[in-house]
Protein backbone atom coordinates (compact mmCIF):
# COMPACT_ATOMS: atom_id res chain seq x y z
CA MET A 1 0.00 0.00 0.00
CA SER A 2 1.53 3.32 -1.03
CA GLU A 3 1.24 6.44 1.07
CA THR A 4 -0.89 9.30 -0.15
CA ILE A 5 1.12 12.23 -1.42
CA ALA A 6 0.02 15.67 -0.23
CA ARG A 7 1.04 19.27 -0.86
CA LEU A 8 1.98 21.57 2.02
CA HIS A 9 2.04 25.37 1.76
CA LEU A 10 3.88 27.24 4.53
CA THR A 11 4.42 30.90 5.35
CA VAL A 12 7.17 31.36 7.93
CA ARG A 13 7.70 34.62 9.84
CA GLY A 14 10.34 35.87 12.24
CA ARG A 15 14.06 36.28 11.70
CA VAL A 16 14.10 33.96 8.70
CA GLN A 17 15.96 35.89 6.00
CA GLY A 18 19.74 36.26 5.90
CA VAL A 19 20.29 33.41 8.37
CA GLY A 20 20.53 30.36 6.07
CA PHE A 21 16.86 29.50 6.51
CA ARG A 22 16.16 28.57 2.88
CA PHE A 23 19.16 26.25 2.69
CA HIS A 24 18.25 24.67 6.04
CA THR A 25 14.73 24.11 4.69
CA GLN A 26 16.08 22.58 1.49
CA GLN A 27 18.31 20.19 3.43
CA ALA A 28 15.41 19.12 5.67
CA ALA A 29 13.17 18.54 2.63
CA GLU A 30 15.81 16.49 0.84
CA GLU A 31 16.44 14.34 3.94
CA LEU A 32 12.70 13.61 4.10
CA GLY A 33 12.41 12.91 0.37
CA LEU A 34 10.17 15.91 -0.34
CA THR A 35 9.95 17.96 -3.51
CA GLY A 36 9.01 21.63 -3.97
CA TRP A 37 10.62 25.00 -3.30
CA VAL A 38 11.43 27.67 -0.72
CA ALA A 39 11.67 31.42 -1.36
CA ASN A 40 12.12 34.72 0.46
CA ARG A 41 9.21 37.14 0.16
CA SER A 42 9.34 40.94 0.09
CA ASP A 43 7.52 41.14 3.45
CA ARG A 44 10.56 39.36 5.04
CA SER A 45 8.67 36.08 5.40
CA VAL A 46 9.66 32.81 3.74
CA GLU A 47 7.23 30.82 1.60
CA VAL A 48 7.52 27.06 1.20
CA VAL A 49 5.70 24.56 -1.00
CA ALA A 50 6.51 20.90 -0.41
CA GLU A 51 5.03 17.64 -1.62
CA GLY A 52 5.45 14.15 -0.24
CA PRO A 53 3.92 11.64 2.16
CA ARG A 54 1.81 13.26 4.89
CA ALA A 55 3.97 11.80 7.69
CA ALA A 56 7.10 13.32 6.14
CA LEU A 57 5.33 16.68 5.72
CA ASP A 58 4.31 16.64 9.39
CA GLN A 59 7.95 16.05 10.36
CA PHE A 60 9.03 18.78 7.93
CA ILE A 61 6.83 21.34 9.72
CA LYS A 62 8.64 20.56 12.99
CA LEU A 63 12.05 21.06 11.34
CA VAL A 64 10.96 24.31 9.70
CA LYS A 65 9.66 25.64 13.03
CA ARG A 66 13.06 24.91 14.59
CA GLY A 67 15.02 26.53 11.75
CA PRO A 68 18.80 26.96 11.69
CA SER A 69 20.57 28.24 14.80
CA MET A 70 20.61 31.92 13.73
CA ALA A 71 16.90 31.99 12.85
CA GLN A 72 14.07 32.92 15.17
CA VAL A 73 10.77 31.56 13.88
CA THR A 74 7.81 33.39 15.42
CA ASP A 75 4.93 32.11 13.28
CA VAL A 76 4.30 29.28 10.82
CA GLN A 77 1.03 29.18 8.92
CA HIS A 78 0.36 26.01 6.98
CA GLU A 79 -2.28 24.35 4.88
CA TYR A 80 -2.50 20.97 3.22
CA LEU A 81 -3.66 20.81 -0.38
CA PRO A 82 -3.97 18.09 -3.03
CA ALA A 83 -0.58 17.23 -4.55
CA THR A 84 0.11 18.30 -8.13
CA ARG A 85 3.29 16.21 -8.49
CA GLU A 86 4.80 19.01 -10.58
CA PHE A 87 8.22 18.93 -8.89
CA ASP A 88 11.10 16.51 -9.30
CA GLU A 89 13.38 18.04 -6.64
CA PHE A 90 13.36 20.58 -3.82
CA ARG A 91 14.94 23.87 -4.82
CA VAL A 92 15.83 27.24 -3.32
CA GLU A 93 14.33 30.10 -5.29
CA LEU A 94 16.77 33.01 -5.46
């Protein structure tokens, strides 16, 4: 029985730009076998879209909330959506 693939959309706020947050997020996603992307936003938040098994996405949220050592995450908004399976890797948007 294969696990259902879901899509997760996150908006992360706090001290999350200029502290290696996107690369930390990419590493966490790759370790969990997720695909998608992470990008800085003009309002100083970070946006993340990830797809993979729901259990891996749940673990991913915990890792994102922790962030790298220099980050200070104050808020994470998330929603689960149907997967589109449009990604073949997890990338950092520059």
